Amino acid sequence: MVNTILKVKEINKNFNEQRAVDNISFTVNQGEIMGLLGPNGAGKTTVIRMIMGIFEPDSGQIELDKGLLDKRKIGYLPEERGIYDDTLVLETILYFADLKGMKQEEARRSALKWLDVLALSDYANHRIEDLSKGMQQKVQFIISIIHKPRLIVFDEVFSGLDPVNQDLFKKIIKELGSGGTTILLSSHRMDMVEELCDRIFMINHGQKVLFGEIDQIKDEFGEKKVKIKVGGETDYFKRIKELNNLTIENDTVTFSLPAEISAERFIKKMLDNIEIEEISILKPSLHEIFVSKVRGEKKYAG
């Protein structure tokens, strides 16, 4: 049975008569990693701040676990820095753990464990301002998860991290989800979202653009990316007007095949005209769908 932890229903928010969020609705289930996507200025941060109770929606409802979820059981890693520069690392973590109701002994034990996991043990008594941007992000990450929250909101969690630490964060986030923690992940890193998330909700100009499982969204987007290595001339492809984003490099041709063209029929027709050595047909990446939706190049069927 699906247990819905976060329910956002028809929320609206205006600032100075400017509609920032326009009738947004979505749900996030227990143990799910949900991606919250959108270009800069789309309304994502406003949605997050309403979920966190920083802003109140002008209308609509936000429900946390049917009203049973104590807000101290929510973790939040904001995009902007939310820690004090002149305090010590361990002291800072313990301060925020106390705000979340953790007992001092448990908080210290957990903080030391996470400092070790994130290779920060040697910096426990350093000031926050002495740390690199990536290290500060690790401290904020620990603060957001130390109290074992049921719901975590990550806003640009991979900011400032090198590839090694990005992989470490991905591993921990996956483990949290597998352990039943519900995660709302807002990021511009489409590759990370595609790898981590079960479903996505995309917002643009304050309105819903996409909502659903990633594979379903890709299927309904329709367009497929084709890459072909040919054994002869490539001029054949230049004569096909229906192909999008056609690129020819030596003997390799790539293009996007519109949804209304059957890939199977197209390949059969090609075999009558050219020699194919290799061919791959892929669904569009989440990055390509994101860019297309923001530019308004495609219509979504969902």
C-alpha atoms as a PDB file:
ATOM      1  CA  MET A   1       0.000   0.000   0.000  1.00  0.00           C
ATOM      2  CA  VAL A   2       1.382   3.414  -1.023  1.00  0.00           C
ATOM      3  CA  ASN A   3       1.904   5.825   1.874  1.00  0.00           C
ATOM      4  CA  THR A   4       1.857   9.448   0.696  1.00  0.00           C
ATOM      5  CA  ILE A   5       4.224  11.550   2.828  1.00  0.00           C
ATOM      6  CA  LEU A   6       3.874  14.878   1.027  1.00  0.00           C
ATOM      7  CA  LYS A   7       0.719  16.095  -0.680  1.00  0.00           C
ATOM      8  CA  VAL A   8       0.723  19.436  -2.475  1.00  0.00           C
ATOM      9  CA  LYS A   9      -2.759  20.415  -3.635  1.00  0.00           C
ATOM     10  CA  GLU A  10      -3.585  23.378  -5.882  1.00  0.00           C
ATOM     11  CA  ILE A  11      -1.171  25.805  -4.246  1.00  0.00           C
ATOM     12  CA  ASN A  12      -0.812  29.387  -5.484  1.00  0.00           C
ATOM     13  CA  LYS A  13       1.567  32.176  -4.534  1.00  0.00           C
ATOM     14  CA  ASN A  14       1.777  35.798  -5.664  1.00  0.00           C
ATOM     15  CA  PHE A  15       4.479  38.383  -5.036  1.00  0.00           C
ATOM     16  CA  ASN A  16       3.504  41.993  -5.774  1.00  0.00           C
ATOM     17  CA  GLU A  17       0.663  40.788  -8.008  1.00  0.00           C
ATOM     18  CA  GLN A  18       3.114  38.550  -9.908  1.00  0.00           C
ATOM     19  CA  ARG A  19       2.013  34.896  -9.953  1.00  0.00           C
ATOM     20  CA  ALA A  20       5.063  32.858  -8.880  1.00  0.00           C
ATOM     21  CA  VAL A  21       3.252  29.522  -8.410  1.00  0.00           C
ATOM     22  CA  ASP A  22       0.073  28.779 -10.320  1.00  0.00           C
ATOM     23  CA  ASN A  23      -2.198  25.950  -9.128  1.00  0.00           C
ATOM     24  CA  ILE A  24       0.503  23.339  -8.514  1.00  0.00           C
ATOM     25  CA  SER A  25      -0.389  19.809  -7.332  1.00  0.00           C
ATOM     26  CA  PHE A  26       1.767  16.716  -6.781  1.00  0.00           C
ATOM     27  CA  THR A  27       2.450  13.952  -4.257  1.00  0.00           C
ATOM     28  CA  VAL A  28       5.586  12.262  -2.952  1.00  0.00           C
ATOM     29  CA  ASN A  29       5.365   8.761  -1.494  1.00  0.00           C
ATOM     30  CA  GLN A  30       7.334   7.140   1.303  1.00  0.00           C
ATOM     31  CA  GLY A  31      10.777   5.973   0.168  1.00  0.00           C
ATOM     32  CA  GLU A  32      10.428   7.794  -3.148  1.00  0.00           C
ATOM     33  CA  ILE A  33      13.025  10.126  -4.624  1.00  0.00           C
ATOM     34  CA  MET A  34      11.079  12.790  -6.490  1.00  0.00           C
ATOM     35  CA  GLY A  35      12.806  15.251  -8.801  1.00  0.00           C
ATOM     36  CA  LEU A  36      11.590  18.862  -8.758  1.00  0.00           C
ATOM     37  CA  LEU A  37      12.787  20.488 -11.974  1.00  0.00           C
ATOM     38  CA  GLY A  38      12.546  23.786 -13.765  1.00  0.00           C
ATOM     39  CA  PRO A  39      14.661  26.610 -15.189  1.00  0.00           C
ATOM     40  CA  ASN A  40      15.817  29.542 -13.075  1.00  0.00           C
ATOM     41  CA  GLY A  41      12.861  31.651 -11.996  1.00  0.00           C
ATOM     42  CA  ALA A  42      10.338  28.900 -12.687  1.00  0.00           C
ATOM     43  CA  GLY A  43       8.975  28.822  -9.129  1.00  0.00           C
ATOM     44  CA  LYS A  44      10.845  25.820  -7.682  1.00  0.00           C
ATOM     45  CA  THR A  45      12.348  27.664  -4.730  1.00  0.00           C
ATOM     46  CA  THR A  46       8.989  29.230  -3.873  1.00  0.00           C
ATOM     47  CA  VAL A  47       7.386  25.762  -3.872  1.00  0.00           C
ATOM     48  CA  ILE A  48      10.146  24.432  -1.610  1.00  0.00           C
ATOM     49  CA  ARG A  49       9.816  27.348   0.798  1.00  0.00           C
ATOM     50  CA  MET A  50       6.076  26.759   1.058  1.00  0.00           C
ATOM     51  CA  ILE A  51       6.667  23.075   1.801  1.00  0.00           C
ATOM     52  CA  MET A  52       9.163  24.077   4.504  1.00  0.00           C
ATOM     53  CA  GLY A  53       6.718  26.584   5.989  1.00  0.00           C
ATOM     54  CA  ILE A  54       8.911  29.599   5.203  1.00  0.00           C
ATOM     55  CA  PHE A  55       6.121  30.977   3.006  1.00  0.00           C
ATOM     56  CA  GLU A  56       2.402  30.309   3.302  1.00  0.00           C
ATOM     57  CA  PRO A  57       0.530  29.592   0.050  1.00  0.00           C
ATOM     58  CA  ASP A  58      -2.080  32.201  -0.843  1.00  0.00           C
ATOM     59  CA  SER A  59      -4.452  29.305  -1.515  1.00  0.00           C
ATOM     60  CA  GLY A  60      -4.286  25.526  -1.677  1.00  0.00           C
ATOM     61  CA  GLN A  61      -2.976  22.981   0.824  1.00  0.00           C
ATOM     62  CA  ILE A  62       0.291  21.278   1.741  1.00  0.00           C
ATOM     63  CA  GLU A  63      -0.157  18.125   3.820  1.00  0.00           C
ATOM     64  CA  LEU A  64       2.664  16.215   5.513  1.00  0.00           C
ATOM     65  CA  ASP A  65       1.843  12.569   6.238  1.00  0.00           C
ATOM     66  CA  LYS A  66      -1.877  13.337   6.736  1.00  0.00           C
ATOM     67  CA  GLY A  67      -0.939  15.932   9.333  1.00  0.00           C
ATOM     68  CA  LEU A  68       1.019  13.427  11.436  1.00  0.00           C
ATOM     69  CA  LEU A  69       4.562  14.434  10.415  1.00  0.00           C
ATOM     70  CA  ASP A  70       6.359  16.573  12.998  1.00  0.00           C
ATOM     71  CA  LYS A  71       8.279  19.299  11.138  1.00  0.00           C
ATOM     72  CA  ARG A  72      11.320  18.384  13.214  1.00  0.00           C
ATOM     73  CA  LYS A  73      11.324  15.158  11.182  1.00  0.00           C
ATOM     74  CA  ILE A  74      12.005  17.101   7.984  1.00  0.00           C
ATOM     75  CA  GLY A  75      15.522  17.689   6.673  1.00  0.00           C
ATOM     76  CA  TYR A  76      16.368  20.629   4.437  1.00  0.00           C
ATOM     77  CA  LEU A  77      19.482  21.451   2.468  1.00  0.00           C
ATOM     78  CA  PRO A  78      18.923  24.890   0.911  1.00  0.00           C
ATOM     79  CA  GLU A  79      20.613  26.111  -2.258  1.00  0.00           C
ATOM     80  CA  GLU A  80      22.016  29.110  -0.387  1.00  0.00           C
ATOM     81  CA  ARG A  81      24.375  28.610   2.548  1.00  0.00           C
ATOM     82  CA  GLY A  82      22.490  28.242   5.827  1.00  0.00           C
ATOM     83  CA  ILE A  83      25.327  27.899   8.344  1.00  0.00           C
ATOM     84  CA  TYR A  84      27.401  30.377  10.331  1.00  0.00           C
ATOM     85  CA  ASP A  85      30.917  31.056   9.031  1.00  0.00           C
ATOM     86  CA  ASP A  86      32.601  31.689  12.380  1.00  0.00           C
ATOM     87  CA  THR A  87      31.442  28.537  14.226  1.00  0.00           C
ATOM     88  CA  LEU A  88      33.216  25.198  14.447  1.00  0.00           C
ATOM     89  CA  VAL A  89      32.117  22.288  12.246  1.00  0.00           C
ATOM     90  CA  LEU A  90      31.135  19.812  14.985  1.00  0.00           C
ATOM     91  CA  GLU A  91      29.640  22.574  17.116  1.00  0.00           C
ATOM     92  CA  THR A  92      27.493  23.701  14.180  1.00  0.00           C
ATOM     93  CA  ILE A  93      26.211  20.189  13.453  1.00  0.00           C
ATOM     94  CA  LEU A  94      25.335  19.610  17.120  1.00  0.00           C
ATOM     95  CA  TYR A  95      23.533  22.954  17.316  1.00  0.00           C
ATOM     96  CA  PHE A  96      21.223  22.067  14.419  1.00  0.00           C
ATOM     97  CA  ALA A  97      20.745  18.523  15.765  1.00  0.00           C
ATOM     98  CA  ASP A  98      19.570  20.051  19.050  1.00  0.00           C
ATOM     99  CA  LEU A  99      17.057  22.201  17.155  1.00  0.00           C
ATOM    100  CA  LYS A 100      15.660  18.978  15.686  1.00  0.00           C
ATOM    101  CA  GLY A 101      15.201  17.489  19.175  1.00  0.00           C
ATOM    102  CA  MET A 102      18.138  15.054  19.210  1.00  0.00           C
ATOM    103  CA  LYS A 103      19.690  14.101  22.514  1.00  0.00           C
ATOM    104  CA  GLN A 104      23.234  15.386  22.901  1.00  0.00           C
ATOM    105  CA  GLU A 105      24.894  11.984  23.233  1.00  0.00           C
ATOM    106  CA  GLU A 106      23.108  10.532  20.204  1.00  0.00           C
ATOM    107  CA  ALA A 107      23.775  13.678  18.166  1.00  0.00           C
ATOM    108  CA  ARG A 108      27.516  13.632  18.909  1.00  0.00           C
ATOM    109  CA  ARG A 109      27.799   9.938  18.074  1.00  0.00           C
ATOM    110  CA  SER A 110      25.913  10.401  14.798  1.00  0.00           C
ATOM    111  CA  ALA A 111      27.817  13.578  13.888  1.00  0.00           C
ATOM    112  CA  LEU A 112      31.184  11.874  14.344  1.00  0.00           C
ATOM    113  CA  LYS A 113      30.008   8.951  12.222  1.00  0.00           C
ATOM    114  CA  TRP A 114      28.913  11.199   9.346  1.00  0.00           C
ATOM    115  CA  LEU A 115      32.058  13.322   9.569  1.00  0.00           C
ATOM    116  CA  ASP A 116      34.033  10.117   9.101  1.00  0.00           C
ATOM    117  CA  VAL A 117      31.856   8.921   6.189  1.00  0.00           C
ATOM    118  CA  LEU A 118      32.300  12.266   4.420  1.00  0.00           C
ATOM    119  CA  ALA A 119      36.037  12.504   5.164  1.00  0.00           C
ATOM    120  CA  LEU A 120      35.628  15.523   7.456  1.00  0.00           C
ATOM    121  CA  SER A 121      36.834  14.041  10.757  1.00  0.00           C
ATOM    122  CA  ASP A 122      40.060  16.058  10.641  1.00  0.00           C
ATOM    123  CA  TYR A 123      38.029  19.269  10.267  1.00  0.00           C
ATOM    124  CA  ALA A 124      35.644  18.775  13.200  1.00  0.00           C
ATOM    125  CA  ASN A 125      37.198  21.671  15.134  1.00  0.00           C
ATOM    126  CA  HIS A 126      37.827  23.948  12.158  1.00  0.00           C
ATOM    127  CA  ARG A 127      35.709  27.014  11.503  1.00  0.00           C
ATOM    128  CA  ILE A 128      33.147  26.779   8.716  1.00  0.00           C
ATOM    129  CA  GLU A 129      34.749  29.759   6.935  1.00  0.00           C
ATOM    130  CA  ASP A 130      38.025  27.836   6.668  1.00  0.00           C
ATOM    131  CA  LEU A 131      36.421  25.048   4.639  1.00  0.00           C
ATOM    132  CA  SER A 132      36.149  24.835   0.870  1.00  0.00           C
ATOM    133  CA  LYS A 133      32.753  25.246  -0.776  1.00  0.00           C
ATOM    134  CA  GLY A 134      32.494  21.476  -1.245  1.00  0.00           C
ATOM    135  CA  MET A 135      33.338  20.813   2.408  1.00  0.00           C
ATOM    136  CA  GLN A 136      30.727  23.329   3.534  1.00  0.00           C
ATOM    137  CA  GLN A 137      28.211  21.503   1.356  1.00  0.00           C
ATOM    138  CA  LYS A 138      29.120  18.277   3.159  1.00  0.00           C
ATOM    139  CA  VAL A 139      28.450  19.938   6.520  1.00  0.00           C
ATOM    140  CA  GLN A 140      25.039  21.128   5.331  1.00  0.00           C
ATOM    141  CA  PHE A 141      24.347  17.631   4.044  1.00  0.00           C
ATOM    142  CA  ILE A 142      25.090  16.154   7.479  1.00  0.00           C
ATOM    143  CA  ILE A 143      22.842  18.753   9.132  1.00  0.00           C
ATOM    144  CA  SER A 144      19.969  17.812   6.813  1.00  0.00           C
ATOM    145  CA  ILE A 145      20.137  14.061   7.519  1.00  0.00           C
ATOM    146  CA  ILE A 146      21.606  13.653  11.027  1.00  0.00           C
ATOM    147  CA  HIS A 147      18.222  13.498  12.788  1.00  0.00           C
ATOM    148  CA  LYS A 148      16.986  10.676  10.505  1.00  0.00           C
ATOM    149  CA  PRO A 149      14.168  12.695   8.944  1.00  0.00           C
ATOM    150  CA  ARG A 150      11.221  11.037   7.227  1.00  0.00           C
ATOM    151  CA  LEU A 151      11.233  13.720   4.513  1.00  0.00           C
ATOM    152  CA  ILE A 152      14.326  15.469   3.133  1.00  0.00           C
ATOM    153  CA  VAL A 153      14.296  18.393   0.723  1.00  0.00           C
ATOM    154  CA  PHE A 154      17.567  18.737  -1.197  1.00  0.00           C
ATOM    155  CA  ASP A 155      17.946  21.973  -3.204  1.00  0.00           C
ATOM    156  CA  GLU A 156      21.002  21.760  -5.509  1.00  0.00           C
ATOM    157  CA  VAL A 157      22.638  19.170  -3.253  1.00  0.00           C
ATOM    158  CA  PHE A 158      25.534  18.561  -5.701  1.00  0.00           C
ATOM    159  CA  SER A 159      26.619  22.208  -5.766  1.00  0.00           C
ATOM    160  CA  GLY A 160      30.364  22.664  -5.235  1.00  0.00           C
ATOM    161  CA  LEU A 161      31.161  18.950  -5.231  1.00  0.00           C
ATOM    162  CA  ASP A 162      33.852  17.235  -7.281  1.00  0.00           C
ATOM    163  CA  PRO A 163      32.934  14.011  -9.183  1.00  0.00           C
ATOM    164  CA  VAL A 164      34.161  11.751  -6.365  1.00  0.00           C
ATOM    165  CA  ASN A 165      31.957  13.442  -3.772  1.00  0.00           C
ATOM    166  CA  GLN A 166      29.029  13.620  -6.193  1.00  0.00           C
ATOM    167  CA  ASP A 167      29.196   9.834  -6.411  1.00  0.00           C
ATOM    168  CA  LEU A 168      29.379   9.581  -2.617  1.00  0.00           C
ATOM    169  CA  PHE A 169      26.298  11.793  -2.225  1.00  0.00           C
ATOM    170  CA  LYS A 170      24.441   9.727  -4.839  1.00  0.00           C
ATOM    171  CA  LYS A 171      25.248   6.541  -2.943  1.00  0.00           C
ATOM    172  CA  ILE A 172      23.994   7.970   0.356  1.00  0.00           C
ATOM    173  CA  ILE A 173      20.829   9.402  -1.217  1.00  0.00           C
ATOM    174  CA  LYS A 174      20.013   6.035  -2.804  1.00  0.00           C
ATOM    175  CA  GLU A 175      20.545   4.295   0.547  1.00  0.00           C
ATOM    176  CA  LEU A 176      18.286   6.805   2.305  1.00  0.00           C
ATOM    177  CA  GLY A 177      15.527   6.183  -0.238  1.00  0.00           C
ATOM    178  CA  SER A 178      15.932   2.410   0.008  1.00  0.00           C
ATOM    179  CA  GLY A 179      15.652   2.724   3.781  1.00  0.00           C
ATOM    180  CA  GLY A 180      12.259   4.427   3.525  1.00  0.00           C
ATOM    181  CA  THR A 181      13.249   8.096   3.670  1.00  0.00           C
ATOM    182  CA  THR A 182      11.216  10.288   1.328  1.00  0.00           C
ATOM    183  CA  ILE A 183      13.283  12.721  -0.737  1.00  0.00           C
ATOM    184  CA  LEU A 184      12.367  15.767  -2.802  1.00  0.00           C
ATOM    185  CA  LEU A 185      15.376  16.570  -4.981  1.00  0.00           C
ATOM    186  CA  SER A 186      15.650  19.885  -6.822  1.00  0.00           C
ATOM    187  CA  SER A 187      18.596  20.075  -9.200  1.00  0.00           C
ATOM    188  CA  HIS A 188      19.776  21.414 -12.544  1.00  0.00           C
ATOM    189  CA  ARG A 189      21.883  18.272 -12.950  1.00  0.00           C
ATOM    190  CA  MET A 190      19.621  16.278 -15.263  1.00  0.00           C
ATOM    191  CA  ASP A 191      22.012  13.321 -15.311  1.00  0.00           C
ATOM    192  CA  MET A 192      21.797  13.060 -11.510  1.00  0.00           C
ATOM    193  CA  VAL A 193      18.011  13.386 -11.529  1.00  0.00           C
ATOM    194  CA  GLU A 194      17.711  10.715 -14.206  1.00  0.00           C
ATOM    195  CA  GLU A 195      19.900   8.335 -12.222  1.00  0.00           C
ATOM    196  CA  LEU A 196      18.342   8.918  -8.808  1.00  0.00           C
ATOM    197  CA  CYS A 197      14.680   9.792  -9.194  1.00  0.00           C
ATOM    198  CA  ASP A 198      11.620   7.561  -9.450  1.00  0.00           C
ATOM    199  CA  ARG A 199       9.385  10.365 -10.741  1.00  0.00           C
ATOM    200  CA  ILE A 200       9.794  14.007 -11.669  1.00  0.00           C
ATOM    201  CA  PHE A 201       7.672  17.134 -11.429  1.00  0.00           C
ATOM    202  CA  MET A 202       8.702  19.929 -13.786  1.00  0.00           C
ATOM    203  CA  ILE A 203       7.555  23.513 -13.378  1.00  0.00           C
ATOM    204  CA  ASN A 204       7.928  26.455 -15.758  1.00  0.00           C
ATOM    205  CA  HIS A 205       6.480  29.951 -15.387  1.00  0.00           C
ATOM    206  CA  GLY A 206       4.938  28.758 -12.121  1.00  0.00           C
ATOM    207  CA  GLN A 207       2.891  26.022 -13.794  1.00  0.00           C
ATOM    208  CA  LYS A 208       3.108  22.249 -14.107  1.00  0.00           C
ATOM    209  CA  VAL A 209       4.805  21.088 -17.295  1.00  0.00           C
ATOM    210  CA  LEU A 210       5.555  17.416 -16.575  1.00  0.00           C
ATOM    211  CA  PHE A 211       4.668  14.973 -13.822  1.00  0.00           C
ATOM    212  CA  GLY A 212       5.232  11.230 -13.796  1.00  0.00           C
ATOM    213  CA  GLU A 213       7.730   8.400 -14.098  1.00  0.00           C
ATOM    214  CA  ILE A 214      10.790   9.214 -16.186  1.00  0.00           C
ATOM    215  CA  ASP A 215      10.374   6.267 -18.577  1.00  0.00           C
ATOM    216  CA  GLN A 216       6.718   7.151 -19.129  1.00  0.00           C
ATOM    217  CA  ILE A 217       7.605  10.770 -19.858  1.00  0.00           C
ATOM    218  CA  LYS A 218      10.253   9.688 -22.349  1.00  0.00           C
ATOM    219  CA  ASP A 219       7.775   7.379 -24.102  1.00  0.00           C
ATOM    220  CA  GLU A 220       5.144  10.080 -24.316  1.00  0.00           C
ATOM    221  CA  PHE A 221       7.649  12.652 -25.537  1.00  0.00           C
ATOM    222  CA  GLY A 222       7.904  10.385 -28.566  1.00  0.00           C
ATOM    223  CA  GLU A 223      11.019  11.628 -30.313  1.00  0.00           C
ATOM    224  CA  LYS A 224      13.908   9.142 -30.467  1.00  0.00           C
ATOM    225  CA  LYS A 225      17.605   9.735 -30.986  1.00  0.00           C
ATOM    226  CA  VAL A 226      19.181   7.664 -33.770  1.00  0.00           C
ATOM    227  CA  LYS A 227      22.886   7.089 -34.379  1.00  0.00           C
ATOM    228  CA  ILE A 228      23.999   5.248 -37.516  1.00  0.00           C
ATOM    229  CA  LYS A 229      27.397   4.241 -38.877  1.00  0.00           C
ATOM    230  CA  VAL A 230      27.064   3.835 -42.637  1.00  0.00           C
ATOM    231  CA  GLY A 231      29.199   1.938 -45.116  1.00  0.00           C
ATOM    232  CA  GLY A 232      28.952   4.467 -47.918  1.00  0.00           C
ATOM    233  CA  GLU A 233      27.672   7.928 -48.816  1.00  0.00           C
ATOM    234  CA  THR A 234      25.671   9.928 -46.265  1.00  0.00           C
ATOM    235  CA  ASP A 235      23.896  12.273 -48.715  1.00  0.00           C
ATOM    236  CA  TYR A 236      20.744  10.142 -48.427  1.00  0.00           C
ATOM    237  CA  PHE A 237      20.012  11.641 -45.001  1.00  0.00           C
ATOM    238  CA  LYS A 238      20.296  15.234 -46.222  1.00  0.00           C
ATOM    239  CA  ARG A 239      17.318  14.620 -48.505  1.00  0.00           C
ATOM    240  CA  ILE A 240      14.998  13.582 -45.632  1.00  0.00           C
ATOM    241  CA  LYS A 241      13.361  16.793 -44.449  1.00  0.00           C
ATOM    242  CA  GLU A 242      11.577  15.214 -41.474  1.00  0.00           C
ATOM    243  CA  LEU A 243      14.768  14.530 -39.508  1.00  0.00           C
ATOM    244  CA  ASN A 244      15.603  16.878 -36.631  1.00  0.00           C
ATOM    245  CA  ASN A 245      19.064  17.863 -35.376  1.00  0.00           C
ATOM    246  CA  LEU A 246      20.841  16.065 -38.224  1.00  0.00           C
ATOM    247  CA  THR A 247      24.604  15.776 -37.698  1.00  0.00           C
ATOM    248  CA  ILE A 248      27.023  14.041 -40.081  1.00  0.00           C
ATOM    249  CA  GLU A 249      30.610  13.363 -39.046  1.00  0.00           C
ATOM    250  CA  ASN A 250      32.586  11.223 -41.489  1.00  0.00           C
ATOM    251  CA  ASP A 251      30.656   7.925 -41.637  1.00  0.00           C
ATOM    252  CA  THR A 252      28.492   8.550 -38.529  1.00  0.00           C
ATOM    253  CA  VAL A 253      25.050  10.127 -38.737  1.00  0.00           C
ATOM    254  CA  THR A 254      22.959  11.216 -35.754  1.00  0.00           C
ATOM    255  CA  PHE A 255      19.474  12.725 -35.767  1.00  0.00           C
ATOM    256  CA  SER A 256      16.208  12.872 -33.882  1.00  0.00           C
ATOM    257  CA  LEU A 257      13.330  10.893 -35.335  1.00  0.00           C
ATOM    258  CA  PRO A 258       9.924  12.581 -34.851  1.00  0.00           C
ATOM    259  CA  ALA A 259       7.278  10.638 -32.940  1.00  0.00           C
ATOM    260  CA  GLU A 260       4.988  10.360 -35.962  1.00  0.00           C
ATOM    261  CA  ILE A 261       7.626   8.406 -37.936  1.00  0.00           C
ATOM    262  CA  SER A 262       7.814   4.675 -37.185  1.00  0.00           C
ATOM    263  CA  ALA A 263      11.401   3.728 -36.352  1.00  0.00           C
ATOM    264  CA  GLU A 264      10.857   0.202 -37.686  1.00  0.00           C
ATOM    265  CA  ARG A 265       9.541   1.397 -41.048  1.00  0.00           C
ATOM    266  CA  PHE A 266      12.215   4.045 -41.312  1.00  0.00           C
ATOM    267  CA  ILE A 267      14.993   1.488 -40.826  1.00  0.00           C
ATOM    268  CA  LYS A 268      13.490  -0.889 -43.388  1.00  0.00           C
ATOM    269  CA  LYS A 269      13.343   1.935 -45.919  1.00  0.00           C
ATOM    270  CA  MET A 270      16.949   2.908 -45.155  1.00  0.00           C
ATOM    271  CA  LEU A 271      18.148  -0.638 -45.858  1.00  0.00           C
ATOM    272  CA  ASP A 272      16.946  -0.240 -49.431  1.00  0.00           C
ATOM    273  CA  ASN A 273      19.062   2.882 -49.891  1.00  0.00           C
ATOM    274  CA  ILE A 274      22.218   2.635 -47.803  1.00  0.00           C
ATOM    275  CA  GLU A 275      24.523   0.150 -46.143  1.00  0.00           C
ATOM    276  CA  ILE A 276      24.302   0.211 -42.334  1.00  0.00           C
ATOM    277  CA  GLU A 277      27.244  -1.026 -40.268  1.00  0.00           C
ATOM    278  CA  GLU A 278      25.964  -0.006 -36.830  1.00  0.00           C
ATOM    279  CA  ILE A 279      22.750   1.513 -35.521  1.00  0.00           C
ATOM    280  CA  SER A 280      21.413   2.551 -32.107  1.00  0.00           C
ATOM    281  CA  ILE A 281      18.011   3.996 -31.273  1.00  0.00           C
ATOM    282  CA  LEU A 282      17.672   5.677 -27.897  1.00  0.00           C
ATOM    283  CA  LYS A 283      14.971   7.432 -25.946  1.00  0.00           C
ATOM    284  CA  PRO A 284      15.670  11.138 -25.442  1.00  0.00           C
ATOM    285  CA  SER A 285      17.645  12.059 -22.346  1.00  0.00           C
ATOM    286  CA  LEU A 286      15.965  13.972 -19.556  1.00  0.00           C
ATOM    287  CA  HIS A 287      18.281  16.862 -20.423  1.00  0.00           C
ATOM    288  CA  GLU A 288      16.948  16.965 -23.988  1.00  0.00           C
ATOM    289  CA  ILE A 289      13.338  16.840 -22.796  1.00  0.00           C
ATOM    290  CA  PHE A 290      14.027  19.575 -20.230  1.00  0.00           C
ATOM    291  CA  VAL A 291      15.589  21.892 -22.830  1.00  0.00           C
ATOM    292  CA  SER A 292      12.814  21.183 -25.321  1.00  0.00           C
ATOM    293  CA  LYS A 293      10.066  21.887 -22.796  1.00  0.00           C
ATOM    294  CA  VAL A 294      11.685  25.111 -21.617  1.00  0.00           C
ATOM    295  CA  ARG A 295      12.027  26.297 -25.210  1.00  0.00           C
ATOM    296  CA  GLY A 296       8.482  25.200 -25.964  1.00  0.00           C
ATOM    297  CA  GLU A 297       9.555  23.049 -28.891  1.00  0.00           C
ATOM    298  CA  LYS A 298       7.454  20.001 -28.011  1.00  0.00           C
ATOM    299  CA  LYS A 299       4.030  19.351 -26.596  1.00  0.00           C
ATOM    300  CA  TYR A 300       3.593  16.777 -23.864  1.00  0.00           C
ATOM    301  CA  ALA A 301       0.757  14.279 -24.131  1.00  0.00           C
ATOM    302  CA  GLY A 302       0.313  13.752 -20.376  1.00  0.00           C
END
